[in-house]
Protein backbone atom coordinates (compact mmCIF):
# COMPACT_ATOMS: atom_id res chain seq x y z
CA UNK A 1 -44.74 -60.23 42.67
CA UNK A 2 -47.64 -62.56 41.95
CA UNK A 3 -49.83 -60.84 44.54
CA UNK A 4 -49.59 -57.57 42.57
CA UNK A 5 -50.51 -58.83 39.13
CA UNK A 6 -54.28 -59.24 39.69
CA UNK A 7 -54.58 -55.62 40.85
CA UNK A 8 -52.64 -54.25 37.92
CA UNK A 9 -54.57 -56.43 35.48
CA UNK A 10 -57.88 -55.30 37.01
CA UNK A 11 -57.17 -51.57 37.27
CA UNK A 12 -54.53 -51.12 34.57
CA UNK A 13 -52.56 -48.03 33.76
CA UNK A 14 -54.75 -45.68 35.78
CA UNK A 15 -53.81 -47.55 38.96
CA UNK A 16 -50.15 -47.39 37.95
CA UNK A 17 -50.41 -43.65 37.38
CA UNK A 18 -51.95 -43.10 40.83
CA UNK A 19 -49.47 -45.36 42.64
CA UNK A 20 -46.41 -43.89 40.93
CA UNK A 21 -47.76 -40.37 41.49
CA UNK A 22 -48.08 -40.94 45.24
CA UNK A 23 -44.77 -42.76 45.48
CA UNK A 24 -42.99 -39.93 43.69
CA UNK A 25 -43.94 -37.33 46.26
CA UNK A 26 -43.30 -39.34 49.36
CA UNK A 27 -45.77 -42.17 49.92
CA UNK A 28 -44.07 -45.48 50.77
CA UNK A 29 -45.55 -47.67 48.05
CA UNK A 30 -43.71 -50.30 45.96
CA UNK A 31 -43.48 -48.40 42.67
CA UNK A 32 -40.68 -50.39 41.05
CA UNK A 33 -42.25 -53.71 41.95
CA UNK A 34 -45.54 -52.65 40.40
CA UNK A 35 -43.79 -51.29 37.33
CA UNK A 36 -41.92 -54.56 36.74
CA UNK A 37 -45.12 -56.56 37.23
CA UNK A 38 -46.95 -54.25 34.81
CA UNK A 39 -44.18 -54.66 32.25
CA UNK A 40 -44.46 -58.43 32.43
CA UNK A 41 -48.25 -58.21 32.13
CA UNK A 42 -47.79 -56.03 29.05
CA UNK A 43 -45.52 -58.68 27.60
CA UNK A 44 -48.32 -61.22 28.09
CA UNK A 45 -50.73 -58.88 26.31
CA UNK A 46 -52.77 -57.94 29.38
CA UNK A 47 -51.70 -54.26 29.28
CA UNK A 48 -50.74 -51.90 26.49
CA UNK A 49 -47.03 -51.16 26.86
CA UNK A 50 -47.15 -47.62 25.39
CA UNK A 51 -50.15 -46.63 27.53
CA UNK A 52 -48.58 -48.15 30.64
CA UNK A 53 -45.24 -46.41 30.04
CA UNK A 54 -46.95 -43.07 29.44
CA UNK A 55 -49.05 -43.40 32.62
CA UNK A 56 -45.98 -44.23 34.70
CA UNK A 57 -43.90 -41.44 33.12
CA UNK A 58 -46.64 -38.88 33.72
CA UNK A 59 -47.27 -40.09 37.28
CA UNK A 60 -43.55 -39.86 38.07
CA UNK A 61 -43.23 -36.32 36.72
CA UNK A 62 -46.37 -34.99 38.37
CA UNK A 63 -45.63 -36.74 41.67
CA UNK A 64 -42.12 -35.32 41.90
CA UNK A 65 -43.43 -31.89 40.89
CA UNK A 66 -46.01 -32.06 43.67
CA UNK A 67 -43.22 -32.98 46.05
CA UNK A 68 -41.20 -30.01 44.81
CA UNK A 69 -44.12 -27.67 45.50
CA UNK A 70 -44.60 -29.13 48.98
CA UNK A 71 -40.90 -28.66 49.70
CA UNK A 72 -40.81 -25.20 48.16
CA UNK A 73 -43.77 -23.82 50.09
CA UNK A 74 -43.39 -25.62 53.42
CA UNK A 75 -40.43 -27.95 53.52
CA UNK A 76 -37.83 -25.36 54.41
CA UNK A 77 -39.74 -24.26 57.51
CA UNK A 78 -39.99 -27.88 58.62
CA UNK A 79 -36.27 -28.47 57.99
CA UNK A 80 -35.34 -25.40 60.02
CA UNK A 81 -37.70 -26.26 62.88
CA UNK A 82 -37.11 -30.03 63.15
CA UNK A 83 -33.69 -30.32 61.50
CA UNK A 84 -31.71 -30.14 64.74
CA UNK A 85 -33.50 -33.32 65.93
CA UNK A 86 -31.84 -35.23 63.06
CA UNK A 87 -28.55 -33.32 63.30
CA UNK A 88 -29.45 -31.02 60.40
CA UNK A 89 -27.95 -27.78 61.63
CA UNK A 90 -28.31 -24.48 59.73
CA UNK A 91 -24.71 -24.95 58.56
CA UNK A 92 -25.47 -28.42 57.15
CA UNK A 93 -28.62 -27.11 55.52
CA UNK A 94 -26.50 -24.45 53.81
CA UNK A 95 -24.07 -27.17 52.64
CA UNK A 96 -26.97 -29.16 51.18
CA UNK A 97 -28.22 -26.03 49.40
CA UNK A 98 -24.80 -25.52 47.82
CA UNK A 99 -24.69 -29.18 46.86
CA UNK A 100 -28.10 -28.90 45.16
CA UNK A 101 -27.04 -25.66 43.51
CA UNK A 102 -24.01 -27.35 41.98
CA UNK A 103 -25.20 -30.94 41.41
CA UNK A 104 -28.98 -30.68 41.76
CA UNK A 105 -29.83 -31.93 38.28
CA UNK A 106 -27.66 -35.01 38.67
CA UNK A 107 -29.04 -35.67 42.14
CA UNK A 108 -32.64 -35.49 40.93
CA UNK A 109 -31.93 -37.77 37.95
CA UNK A 110 -30.07 -40.44 39.91
CA UNK A 111 -32.26 -40.28 43.04
CA UNK A 112 -35.09 -41.70 40.94
CA UNK A 113 -33.28 -45.06 40.94
CA UNK A 114 -33.01 -45.40 44.73
CA UNK A 115 -35.92 -46.13 47.04
CA UNK A 116 -36.45 -43.46 49.71
CA UNK A 117 -34.40 -40.97 47.68
CA UNK A 118 -37.00 -41.35 44.90
CA UNK A 119 -39.75 -40.50 47.37
CA UNK A 120 -37.93 -37.52 48.86
CA UNK A 121 -36.04 -35.95 45.97
CA UNK A 122 -38.81 -33.59 44.85
CA UNK A 123 -39.52 -32.42 48.39
CA UNK A 124 -35.83 -31.87 49.10
CA UNK A 125 -35.22 -30.08 45.79
CA UNK A 126 -38.05 -27.68 46.63
CA UNK A 127 -36.98 -27.18 50.22
CA UNK A 128 -33.36 -26.58 49.18
CA UNK A 129 -34.34 -23.88 46.68
CA UNK A 130 -33.39 -25.73 43.48
CA UNK A 131 -34.40 -23.59 40.51
CA UNK A 132 -37.76 -24.74 39.13
CA UNK A 133 -36.65 -25.08 35.48
CA UNK A 134 -33.54 -27.07 36.43
CA UNK A 135 -35.73 -29.30 38.55
CA UNK A 136 -38.33 -29.84 35.83
CA UNK A 137 -35.79 -30.77 33.17
CA UNK A 138 -33.92 -33.13 35.52
CA UNK A 139 -37.24 -34.57 36.68
CA UNK A 140 -38.31 -35.31 33.09
CA UNK A 141 -34.97 -36.93 32.23
CA UNK A 142 -34.94 -39.00 35.43
CA UNK A 143 -38.56 -40.09 35.00
CA UNK A 144 -37.95 -41.08 31.37
CA UNK A 145 -34.87 -43.13 32.22
CA UNK A 146 -36.50 -44.79 35.22
CA UNK A 147 -39.66 -45.60 33.25
CA UNK A 148 -37.67 -47.10 30.40
CA UNK A 149 -35.36 -49.14 32.64
CA UNK A 150 -38.07 -50.62 34.89
CA UNK A 151 -41.02 -50.44 32.48
CA UNK A 152 -39.60 -51.34 29.08
CA UNK A 153 -36.56 -53.28 30.34
CA UNK A 154 -38.42 -56.29 31.75
CA UNK A 155 -40.76 -56.25 28.74
CA UNK A 156 -37.93 -56.56 26.23
CA UNK A 157 -35.34 -58.51 28.19
CA UNK A 158 -37.32 -61.04 30.26
CA UNK A 159 -37.06 -63.71 27.56
CA UNK A 160 -33.28 -63.22 27.46
CA UNK A 161 -33.05 -63.53 31.25
CA UNK A 162 -35.13 -66.74 31.18
CA UNK A 163 -32.75 -68.26 28.64
CA UNK A 164 -29.70 -67.24 30.68
CA UNK A 165 -31.11 -68.66 33.89
């Protein structure tokens, strides 16, 4: 994590916003690692915690929303065309749609906490026809929880963990 700190210290919350934005709609970047490093830098006074948390929260919401739009306007065609190569038959696609219809909000909220799922959840929600308002509300809740756990958590609990270790 030490290799990340100079970049975050140099470019601050704007860099975090950009990185989390791109990670949230599919780019394979280490969002959680950067967020933890930023939280620890904020604890040392090198970043403003509220500004950092807001930048991350906003980047997460906008990134996932961009992913949703990509999935909504083009993802379905790609799933239908290339799905059979990964054993995603039309029947399975229909099952996934029903799953998202029933549990979509919970999936979007919890996917935020798992790498790869975090990068794909917006795209998949859009491609699987999840209702936009359900997606937005779940996206906001998931982004808020994720930002607080990985952004504020290390800030407030790192001293406790040091004492325990």
